[in-house]
């Protein structure tokens, strides 16, 4: 019985390794800074430094 369980466990391990081998890898520096990247997450409309300043509507 233990050899059958061992073979089953090894088959499961092989399947898991095959799945992990197919995962697309990225550098840690890219993953860590992705939440701060304005091109990926966008920027709030009020804090865009490249937008034209609005003029006063009363003047």
C-alpha atoms as a PDB file:
ATOM      1  CA  UNK A   1       0.000   0.000   0.000  1.00  0.00           C
ATOM      2  CA  UNK A   2       2.759   2.473   0.829  1.00  0.00           C
ATOM      3  CA  UNK A   3       4.319   2.104  -2.631  1.00  0.00           C
ATOM      4  CA  UNK A   4       0.946   2.933  -4.233  1.00  0.00           C
ATOM      5  CA  UNK A   5       0.600   6.010  -2.057  1.00  0.00           C
ATOM      6  CA  UNK A   6       4.184   6.941  -2.828  1.00  0.00           C
ATOM      7  CA  UNK A   7       3.589   6.676  -6.584  1.00  0.00           C
ATOM      8  CA  UNK A   8       0.415   8.743  -6.279  1.00  0.00           C
ATOM      9  CA  UNK A   9       2.231  11.409  -4.272  1.00  0.00           C
ATOM     10  CA  UNK A  10       5.042  11.540  -6.816  1.00  0.00           C
ATOM     11  CA  UNK A  11       2.562  11.840  -9.692  1.00  0.00           C
ATOM     12  CA  UNK A  12       0.879  14.722  -7.900  1.00  0.00           C
ATOM     13  CA  UNK A  13       4.283  16.348  -7.365  1.00  0.00           C
ATOM     14  CA  UNK A  14       5.152  15.986 -11.060  1.00  0.00           C
ATOM     15  CA  UNK A  15       1.847  17.584 -12.084  1.00  0.00           C
ATOM     16  CA  UNK A  16       2.451  20.474  -9.682  1.00  0.00           C
ATOM     17  CA  UNK A  17       5.961  21.018 -11.050  1.00  0.00           C
ATOM     18  CA  UNK A  18       4.627  21.010 -14.622  1.00  0.00           C
ATOM     19  CA  UNK A  19       2.115  23.706 -13.682  1.00  0.00           C
ATOM     20  CA  UNK A  20       4.797  25.804 -11.991  1.00  0.00           C
ATOM     21  CA  UNK A  21       7.117  25.444 -14.994  1.00  0.00           C
ATOM     22  CA  UNK A  22       4.460  26.974 -17.240  1.00  0.00           C
ATOM     23  CA  UNK A  23       4.030  30.117 -15.124  1.00  0.00           C
ATOM     24  CA  UNK A  24       5.323  33.297 -16.781  1.00  0.00           C
ATOM     25  CA  UNK A  25       8.078  34.796 -14.626  1.00  0.00           C
ATOM     26  CA  UNK A  26       8.772  38.483 -14.091  1.00  0.00           C
ATOM     27  CA  UNK A  27      11.554  40.208 -12.202  1.00  0.00           C
ATOM     28  CA  UNK A  28      10.972  40.935  -8.521  1.00  0.00           C
ATOM     29  CA  UNK A  29      11.736  44.614  -9.094  1.00  0.00           C
ATOM     30  CA  UNK A  30       8.910  44.824 -11.639  1.00  0.00           C
ATOM     31  CA  UNK A  31       6.423  43.051  -9.395  1.00  0.00           C
ATOM     32  CA  UNK A  32       7.338  45.108  -6.319  1.00  0.00           C
ATOM     33  CA  UNK A  33       6.984  48.453  -8.096  1.00  0.00           C
ATOM     34  CA  UNK A  34       3.939  47.620 -10.231  1.00  0.00           C
ATOM     35  CA  UNK A  35       1.504  49.173  -7.735  1.00  0.00           C
ATOM     36  CA  UNK A  36       3.369  52.521  -7.957  1.00  0.00           C
ATOM     37  CA  UNK A  37       3.641  52.576 -11.767  1.00  0.00           C
ATOM     38  CA  UNK A  38       1.327  55.268 -13.140  1.00  0.00           C
ATOM     39  CA  UNK A  39       1.247  53.614 -16.563  1.00  0.00           C
ATOM     40  CA  UNK A  40      -0.181  50.417 -15.054  1.00  0.00           C
ATOM     41  CA  UNK A  41      -2.559  51.741 -12.405  1.00  0.00           C
ATOM     42  CA  UNK A  42      -3.272  55.241 -13.745  1.00  0.00           C
ATOM     43  CA  UNK A  43      -3.142  58.468 -11.810  1.00  0.00           C
ATOM     44  CA  UNK A  44      -5.919  60.447 -10.148  1.00  0.00           C
ATOM     45  CA  UNK A  45      -7.226  63.301 -12.298  1.00  0.00           C
ATOM     46  CA  UNK A  46      -6.427  65.895  -9.629  1.00  0.00           C
ATOM     47  CA  UNK A  47      -2.751  65.008  -9.331  1.00  0.00           C
ATOM     48  CA  UNK A  48      -1.766  64.874 -13.014  1.00  0.00           C
ATOM     49  CA  UNK A  49       1.254  67.212 -13.387  1.00  0.00           C
ATOM     50  CA  UNK A  50       0.968  67.253 -17.205  1.00  0.00           C
ATOM     51  CA  UNK A  51      -2.618  68.544 -17.347  1.00  0.00           C
ATOM     52  CA  UNK A  52      -3.226  72.194 -18.247  1.00  0.00           C
ATOM     53  CA  UNK A  53      -4.084  74.257 -15.161  1.00  0.00           C
ATOM     54  CA  UNK A  54      -7.725  75.330 -15.070  1.00  0.00           C
ATOM     55  CA  UNK A  55      -8.566  79.005 -15.106  1.00  0.00           C
ATOM     56  CA  UNK A  56     -11.142  80.547 -12.840  1.00  0.00           C
ATOM     57  CA  UNK A  57     -14.673  80.425 -14.329  1.00  0.00           C
ATOM     58  CA  UNK A  58     -15.628  83.772 -12.750  1.00  0.00           C
ATOM     59  CA  UNK A  59     -12.924  85.811 -14.496  1.00  0.00           C
END
